[in-house]
Amino acid sequence: MNQQVVHPMVKLQRQVRSLVDSKMIKPTDSIWKIALLYGDEWAYWKSELIEFEFSMQDPVSDLLAVESWEEDS
């Protein structure tokens, strides 16, 4: 039974993709627009995004384009 742990950023990426698919946000919208939908959780996600060198002005499409969320050790 080899269960793989999903990186938290994968979960965020899936949620953001769902928002794009439902047309709540556009791929060309800036990442900061996600803050409006995450409320109290946004501080955590913002710090994670910054750690992965995203700026809040980057388009959502940049976040969706990431294929691997491996962290450098």
PDB file of N, CA and C in Angstrom:
ATOM      1  N   MET A   1       0.850  -1.175   0.000  1.00  0.00           N
ATOM      2  CA  MET A   1       0.000   0.000   0.000  1.00  0.00           C
ATOM      3  C   MET A   1       0.893   1.235   0.000  1.00  0.00           C
ATOM      4  N   ASN A   2       1.170   1.739  -1.164  1.00  0.00           N
ATOM      5  CA  ASN A   2       2.084   2.853  -1.323  1.00  0.00           C
ATOM      6  C   ASN A   2       1.295   4.101  -1.713  1.00  0.00           C
ATOM      7  N   GLN A   3       0.868   4.863  -0.695  1.00  0.00           N
ATOM      8  CA  GLN A   3       0.051   6.037  -0.952  1.00  0.00           C
ATOM      9  C   GLN A   3       0.951   7.262  -1.087  1.00  0.00           C
ATOM     10  N   GLN A   4       0.739   8.011  -2.170  1.00  0.00           N
ATOM     11  CA  GLN A   4       1.572   9.174  -2.418  1.00  0.00           C
ATOM     12  C   GLN A   4       0.892  10.416  -1.857  1.00  0.00           C
ATOM     13  N   VAL A   5       1.664  11.248  -1.190  1.00  0.00           N
ATOM     14  CA  VAL A   5       1.142  12.477  -0.623  1.00  0.00           C
ATOM     15  C   VAL A   5       1.133  13.551  -1.712  1.00  0.00           C
ATOM     16  N   VAL A   6       0.014  14.233  -1.847  1.00  0.00           N
ATOM     17  CA  VAL A   6      -0.113  15.282  -2.858  1.00  0.00           C
ATOM     18  C   VAL A   6       0.403  16.591  -2.266  1.00  0.00           C
ATOM     19  N   HIS A   7       1.273  17.264  -2.998  1.00  0.00           N
ATOM     20  CA  HIS A   7       1.816  18.545  -2.562  1.00  0.00           C
ATOM     21  C   HIS A   7       0.671  19.553  -2.437  1.00  0.00           C
ATOM     22  N   PRO A   8       0.668  20.380  -1.392  1.00  0.00           N
ATOM     23  CA  PRO A   8      -0.410  21.371  -1.228  1.00  0.00           C
ATOM     24  C   PRO A   8      -0.611  22.268  -2.458  1.00  0.00           C
ATOM     25  N   MET A   9       0.465  22.558  -3.164  1.00  0.00           N
ATOM     26  CA  MET A   9       0.328  23.413  -4.341  1.00  0.00           C
ATOM     27  C   MET A   9      -0.436  22.714  -5.464  1.00  0.00           C
ATOM     28  N   VAL A  10      -0.386  21.392  -5.499  1.00  0.00           N
ATOM     29  CA  VAL A  10      -1.167  20.646  -6.485  1.00  0.00           C
ATOM     30  C   VAL A  10      -2.653  20.859  -6.199  1.00  0.00           C
ATOM     31  N   LYS A  11      -3.001  20.837  -4.912  1.00  0.00           N
ATOM     32  CA  LYS A  11      -4.399  21.064  -4.522  1.00  0.00           C
ATOM     33  C   LYS A  11      -4.840  22.467  -4.930  1.00  0.00           C
ATOM     34  N   LEU A  12      -4.003  23.470  -4.674  1.00  0.00           N
ATOM     35  CA  LEU A  12      -4.332  24.837  -5.068  1.00  0.00           C
ATOM     36  C   LEU A  12      -4.480  24.930  -6.580  1.00  0.00           C
ATOM     37  N   GLN A  13      -3.565  24.314  -7.289  1.00  0.00           N
ATOM     38  CA  GLN A  13      -3.599  24.342  -8.750  1.00  0.00           C
ATOM     39  C   GLN A  13      -4.908  23.722  -9.268  1.00  0.00           C
ATOM     40  N   ARG A  14      -5.327  22.630  -8.683  1.00  0.00           N
ATOM     41  CA  ARG A  14      -6.590  21.989  -9.086  1.00  0.00           C
ATOM     42  C   ARG A  14      -7.776  22.905  -8.815  1.00  0.00           C
ATOM     43  N   GLN A  15      -7.770  23.560  -7.658  1.00  0.00           N
ATOM     44  CA  GLN A  15      -8.863  24.465  -7.311  1.00  0.00           C
ATOM     45  C   GLN A  15      -8.905  25.657  -8.265  1.00  0.00           C
ATOM     46  N   VAL A  16      -7.737  26.185  -8.590  1.00  0.00           N
ATOM     47  CA  VAL A  16      -7.666  27.319  -9.518  1.00  0.00           C
ATOM     48  C   VAL A  16      -8.119  26.888 -10.911  1.00  0.00           C
ATOM     49  N   ARG A  17      -7.714  25.703 -11.342  1.00  0.00           N
ATOM     50  CA  ARG A  17      -8.167  25.197 -12.651  1.00  0.00           C
ATOM     51  C   ARG A  17      -9.697  25.085 -12.675  1.00  0.00           C
ATOM     52  N   SER A  18     -10.275  24.646 -11.580  1.00  0.00           N
ATOM     53  CA  SER A  18     -11.727  24.543 -11.481  1.00  0.00           C
ATOM     54  C   SER A  18     -12.378  25.929 -11.579  1.00  0.00           C
ATOM     55  N   LEU A  19     -11.749  26.923 -10.964  1.00  0.00           N
ATOM     56  CA  LEU A  19     -12.264  28.294 -11.048  1.00  0.00           C
ATOM     57  C   LEU A  19     -12.218  28.810 -12.487  1.00  0.00           C
ATOM     58  N   VAL A  20     -11.143  28.487 -13.199  1.00  0.00           N
ATOM     59  CA  VAL A  20     -11.017  28.886 -14.603  1.00  0.00           C
ATOM     60  C   VAL A  20     -12.056  28.151 -15.442  1.00  0.00           C
ATOM     61  N   ASP A  21     -12.187  26.849 -15.213  1.00  0.00           N
ATOM     62  CA  ASP A  21     -13.151  26.041 -15.974  1.00  0.00           C
ATOM     63  C   ASP A  21     -14.582  26.535 -15.761  1.00  0.00           C
ATOM     64  N   SER A  22     -14.885  27.013 -14.554  1.00  0.00           N
ATOM     65  CA  SER A  22     -16.231  27.503 -14.257  1.00  0.00           C
ATOM     66  C   SER A  22     -16.394  28.981 -14.631  1.00  0.00           C
ATOM     67  N   LYS A  23     -15.343  29.554 -15.195  1.00  0.00           N
ATOM     68  CA  LYS A  23     -15.335  30.935 -15.680  1.00  0.00           C
ATOM     69  C   LYS A  23     -15.441  31.993 -14.574  1.00  0.00           C
ATOM     70  N   MET A  24     -15.091  31.608 -13.331  1.00  0.00           N
ATOM     71  CA  MET A  24     -15.068  32.579 -12.235  1.00  0.00           C
ATOM     72  C   MET A  24     -13.864  33.508 -12.381  1.00  0.00           C
ATOM     73  N   ILE A  25     -12.771  32.969 -12.921  1.00  0.00           N
ATOM     74  CA  ILE A  25     -11.589  33.764 -13.245  1.00  0.00           C
ATOM     75  C   ILE A  25     -11.113  33.346 -14.625  1.00  0.00           C
ATOM     76  N   LYS A  26     -10.301  34.213 -15.234  1.00  0.00           N
ATOM     77  CA  LYS A  26      -9.754  33.912 -16.562  1.00  0.00           C
ATOM     78  C   LYS A  26      -8.270  33.566 -16.425  1.00  0.00           C
ATOM     79  N   PRO A  27      -7.734  32.781 -17.352  1.00  0.00           N
ATOM     80  CA  PRO A  27      -6.304  32.454 -17.308  1.00  0.00           C
ATOM     81  C   PRO A  27      -5.428  33.702 -17.385  1.00  0.00           C
ATOM     82  N   THR A  28      -5.939  34.767 -17.955  1.00  0.00           N
ATOM     83  CA  THR A  28      -5.166  36.008 -18.079  1.00  0.00           C
ATOM     84  C   THR A  28      -5.277  36.896 -16.845  1.00  0.00           C
ATOM     85  N   ASP A  29      -6.163  36.565 -15.912  1.00  0.00           N
ATOM     86  CA  ASP A  29      -6.283  37.337 -14.672  1.00  0.00           C
ATOM     87  C   ASP A  29      -5.020  37.183 -13.837  1.00  0.00           C
ATOM     88  N   SER A  30      -4.729  38.197 -13.058  1.00  0.00           N
ATOM     89  CA  SER A  30      -3.578  38.137 -12.151  1.00  0.00           C
ATOM     90  C   SER A  30      -3.877  37.198 -10.982  1.00  0.00           C
ATOM     91  N   ILE A  31      -2.823  36.583 -10.478  1.00  0.00           N
ATOM     92  CA  ILE A  31      -2.955  35.640  -9.359  1.00  0.00           C
ATOM     93  C   ILE A  31      -3.627  36.290  -8.156  1.00  0.00           C
ATOM     94  N   TRP A  32      -3.430  37.590  -7.939  1.00  0.00           N
ATOM     95  CA  TRP A  32      -4.014  38.239  -6.756  1.00  0.00           C
ATOM     96  C   TRP A  32      -5.527  38.122  -6.723  1.00  0.00           C
ATOM     97  N   LYS A  33      -6.175  37.922  -7.864  1.00  0.00           N
ATOM     98  CA  LYS A  33      -7.639  37.784  -7.866  1.00  0.00           C
ATOM     99  C   LYS A  33      -8.094  36.555  -7.089  1.00  0.00           C
ATOM    100  N   ILE A  34      -7.233  35.566  -6.980  1.00  0.00           N
ATOM    101  CA  ILE A  34      -7.574  34.370  -6.212  1.00  0.00           C
ATOM    102  C   ILE A  34      -7.784  34.736  -4.741  1.00  0.00           C
ATOM    103  N   ALA A  35      -7.085  35.753  -4.269  1.00  0.00           N
ATOM    104  CA  ALA A  35      -7.188  36.175  -2.869  1.00  0.00           C
ATOM    105  C   ALA A  35      -8.630  36.475  -2.484  1.00  0.00           C
ATOM    106  N   LEU A  36      -9.378  37.029  -3.408  1.00  0.00           N
ATOM    107  CA  LEU A  36     -10.766  37.377  -3.130  1.00  0.00           C
ATOM    108  C   LEU A  36     -11.614  36.146  -2.831  1.00  0.00           C
ATOM    109  N   LEU A  37     -11.184  35.001  -3.316  1.00  0.00           N
ATOM    110  CA  LEU A  37     -11.951  33.771  -3.144  1.00  0.00           C
ATOM    111  C   LEU A  37     -11.459  32.917  -1.970  1.00  0.00           C
ATOM    112  N   TYR A  38     -10.275  33.224  -1.463  1.00  0.00           N
ATOM    113  CA  TYR A  38      -9.705  32.387  -0.407  1.00  0.00           C
ATOM    114  C   TYR A  38      -9.793  32.987   0.990  1.00  0.00           C
ATOM    115  N   GLY A  39     -10.119  34.251   1.098  1.00  0.00           N
ATOM    116  CA  GLY A  39     -10.323  34.864   2.413  1.00  0.00           C
ATOM    117  C   GLY A  39      -9.177  34.637   3.377  1.00  0.00           C
ATOM    118  N   ASP A  40      -9.497  34.058   4.538  1.00  0.00           N
ATOM    119  CA  ASP A  40      -8.520  33.860   5.613  1.00  0.00           C
ATOM    120  C   ASP A  40      -7.372  32.939   5.228  1.00  0.00           C
ATOM    121  N   GLU A  41      -7.592  32.042   4.285  1.00  0.00           N
ATOM    122  CA  GLU A  41      -6.549  31.105   3.866  1.00  0.00           C
ATOM    123  C   GLU A  41      -5.525  31.758   2.940  1.00  0.00           C
ATOM    124  N   TRP A  42      -5.817  32.962   2.452  1.00  0.00           N
ATOM    125  CA  TRP A  42      -4.976  33.569   1.429  1.00  0.00           C
ATOM    126  C   TRP A  42      -3.555  33.820   1.910  1.00  0.00           C
ATOM    127  N   ALA A  43      -3.362  34.218   3.157  1.00  0.00           N
ATOM    128  CA  ALA A  43      -2.007  34.496   3.654  1.00  0.00           C
ATOM    129  C   ALA A  43      -1.104  33.281   3.470  1.00  0.00           C
ATOM    130  N   TYR A  44      -1.633  32.095   3.755  1.00  0.00           N
ATOM    131  CA  TYR A  44      -0.852  30.863   3.581  1.00  0.00           C
ATOM    132  C   TYR A  44      -0.515  30.645   2.106  1.00  0.00           C
ATOM    133  N   TRP A  45      -1.544  30.714   1.253  1.00  0.00           N
ATOM    134  CA  TRP A  45      -1.312  30.450  -0.168  1.00  0.00           C
ATOM    135  C   TRP A  45      -0.404  31.491  -0.798  1.00  0.00           C
ATOM    136  N   LYS A  46      -0.556  32.733  -0.385  1.00  0.00           N
ATOM    137  CA  LYS A  46       0.314  33.788  -0.921  1.00  0.00           C
ATOM    138  C   LYS A  46       1.768  33.495  -0.577  1.00  0.00           C
ATOM    139  N   SER A  47       2.040  33.110   0.667  1.00  0.00           N
ATOM    140  CA  SER A  47       3.424  32.811   1.060  1.00  0.00           C
ATOM    141  C   SER A  47       3.964  31.620   0.284  1.00  0.00           C
ATOM    142  N   GLU A  48       3.119  30.618   0.036  1.00  0.00           N
ATOM    143  CA  GLU A  48       3.552  29.464  -0.764  1.00  0.00           C
ATOM    144  C   GLU A  48       3.881  29.893  -2.198  1.00  0.00           C
ATOM    145  N   LEU A  49       3.028  30.702  -2.788  1.00  0.00           N
ATOM    146  CA  LEU A  49       3.260  31.172  -4.157  1.00  0.00           C
ATOM    147  C   LEU A  49       4.552  31.986  -4.248  1.00  0.00           C
ATOM    148  N   ILE A  50       4.772  32.845  -3.282  1.00  0.00           N
ATOM    149  CA  ILE A  50       5.992  33.662  -3.274  1.00  0.00           C
ATOM    150  C   ILE A  50       7.219  32.763  -3.128  1.00  0.00           C
ATOM    151  N   GLU A  51       7.097  31.734  -2.301  1.00  0.00           N
ATOM    152  CA  GLU A  51       8.210  30.783  -2.131  1.00  0.00           C
ATOM    153  C   GLU A  51       8.569  30.109  -3.458  1.00  0.00           C
ATOM    154  N   PHE A  52       7.574  29.915  -4.317  1.00  0.00           N
ATOM    155  CA  PHE A  52       7.802  29.330  -5.637  1.00  0.00           C
ATOM    156  C   PHE A  52       8.053  30.406  -6.701  1.00  0.00           C
ATOM    157  N   GLU A  53       8.377  31.620  -6.230  1.00  0.00           N
ATOM    158  CA  GLU A  53       8.788  32.746  -7.075  1.00  0.00           C
ATOM    159  C   GLU A  53       7.699  33.279  -8.005  1.00  0.00           C
ATOM    160  N   PHE A  54       6.450  33.183  -7.562  1.00  0.00           N
ATOM    161  CA  PHE A  54       5.356  33.831  -8.280  1.00  0.00           C
ATOM    162  C   PHE A  54       5.172  35.220  -7.714  1.00  0.00           C
ATOM    163  N   SER A  55       4.756  36.143  -8.560  1.00  0.00           N
ATOM    164  CA  SER A  55       4.341  37.453  -8.055  1.00  0.00           C
ATOM    165  C   SER A  55       2.824  37.493  -8.170  1.00  0.00           C
ATOM    166  N   MET A  56       2.209  38.366  -7.424  1.00  0.00           N
ATOM    167  CA  MET A  56       0.754  38.430  -7.430  1.00  0.00           C
ATOM    168  C   MET A  56       0.228  39.031  -8.738  1.00  0.00           C
ATOM    169  N   GLN A  57       1.130  39.592  -9.559  1.00  0.00           N
ATOM    170  CA  GLN A  57       0.730  40.145 -10.849  1.00  0.00           C
ATOM    171  C   GLN A  57       0.866  39.126 -11.987  1.00  0.00           C
ATOM    172  N   ASP A  58       1.482  37.988 -11.712  1.00  0.00           N
ATOM    173  CA  ASP A  58       1.609  36.943 -12.737  1.00  0.00           C
ATOM    174  C   ASP A  58       0.220  36.455 -13.137  1.00  0.00           C
ATOM    175  N   PRO A  59       0.061  36.067 -14.398  1.00  0.00           N
ATOM    176  CA  PRO A  59      -1.245  35.541 -14.812  1.00  0.00           C
ATOM    177  C   PRO A  59      -1.509  34.162 -14.217  1.00  0.00           C
ATOM    178  N   VAL A  60      -2.768  33.868 -13.992  1.00  0.00           N
ATOM    179  CA  VAL A  60      -3.196  32.571 -13.468  1.00  0.00           C
ATOM    180  C   VAL A  60      -2.667  31.441 -14.354  1.00  0.00           C
ATOM    181  N   SER A  61      -2.562  31.688 -15.653  1.00  0.00           N
ATOM    182  CA  SER A  61      -2.080  30.656 -16.575  1.00  0.00           C
ATOM    183  C   SER A  61      -0.678  30.183 -16.210  1.00  0.00           C
ATOM    184  N   ASP A  62       0.162  31.065 -15.634  1.00  0.00           N
ATOM    185  CA  ASP A  62       1.503  30.645 -15.201  1.00  0.00           C
ATOM    186  C   ASP A  62       1.411  29.609 -14.086  1.00  0.00           C
ATOM    187  N   LEU A  63       0.494  29.814 -13.163  1.00  0.00           N
ATOM    188  CA  LEU A  63       0.288  28.869 -12.066  1.00  0.00           C
ATOM    189  C   LEU A  63      -0.208  27.527 -12.613  1.00  0.00           C
ATOM    190  N   LEU A  64      -1.119  27.580 -13.569  1.00  0.00           N
ATOM    191  CA  LEU A  64      -1.681  26.353 -14.132  1.00  0.00           C
ATOM    192  C   LEU A  64      -0.679  25.592 -14.994  1.00  0.00           C
ATOM    193  N   ALA A  65       0.334  26.278 -15.488  1.00  0.00           N
ATOM    194  CA  ALA A  65       1.309  25.655 -16.385  1.00  0.00           C
ATOM    195  C   ALA A  65       2.356  24.809 -15.654  1.00  0.00           C
ATOM    196  N   VAL A  66       2.461  24.951 -14.337  1.00  0.00           N
ATOM    197  CA  VAL A  66       3.471  24.208 -13.585  1.00  0.00           C
ATOM    198  C   VAL A  66       3.140  22.719 -13.630  1.00  0.00           C
ATOM    199  N   GLU A  67       4.138  21.915 -14.005  1.00  0.00           N
ATOM    200  CA  GLU A  67       3.918  20.472 -14.112  1.00  0.00           C
ATOM    201  C   GLU A  67       4.384  19.706 -12.876  1.00  0.00           C
ATOM    202  N   SER A  68       5.301  20.292 -12.130  1.00  0.00           N
ATOM    203  CA  SER A  68       5.826  19.614 -10.944  1.00  0.00           C
ATOM    204  C   SER A  68       6.100  20.626  -9.848  1.00  0.00           C
ATOM    205  N   TRP A  69       5.688  20.293  -8.636  1.00  0.00           N
ATOM    206  CA  TRP A  69       5.880  21.193  -7.492  1.00  0.00           C
ATOM    207  C   TRP A  69       6.970  20.678  -6.564  1.00  0.00           C
ATOM    208  N   GLU A  70       8.005  20.119  -7.133  1.00  0.00           N
ATOM    209  CA  GLU A  70       9.107  19.621  -6.323  1.00  0.00           C
ATOM    210  C   GLU A  70       9.854  20.788  -5.686  1.00  0.00           C
ATOM    211  N   GLU A  71      10.151  20.637  -4.418  1.00  0.00           N
ATOM    212  CA  GLU A  71      10.898  21.674  -3.718  1.00  0.00           C
ATOM    213  C   GLU A  71      12.368  21.283  -3.684  1.00  0.00           C
ATOM    214  N   ASP A  72      13.213  22.282  -3.839  1.00  0.00           N
ATOM    215  CA  ASP A  72      14.650  22.041  -3.739  1.00  0.00           C
ATOM    216  C   ASP A  72      15.016  21.825  -2.291  1.00  0.00           C
ATOM    217  N   SER A  73      15.811  20.808  -2.029  1.00  0.00           N
ATOM    218  CA  SER A  73      16.208  20.509  -0.658  1.00  0.00           C
ATOM    219  C   SER A  73      17.427  21.300  -0.260  1.00  0.00           C
TER     220      SER A  73
END
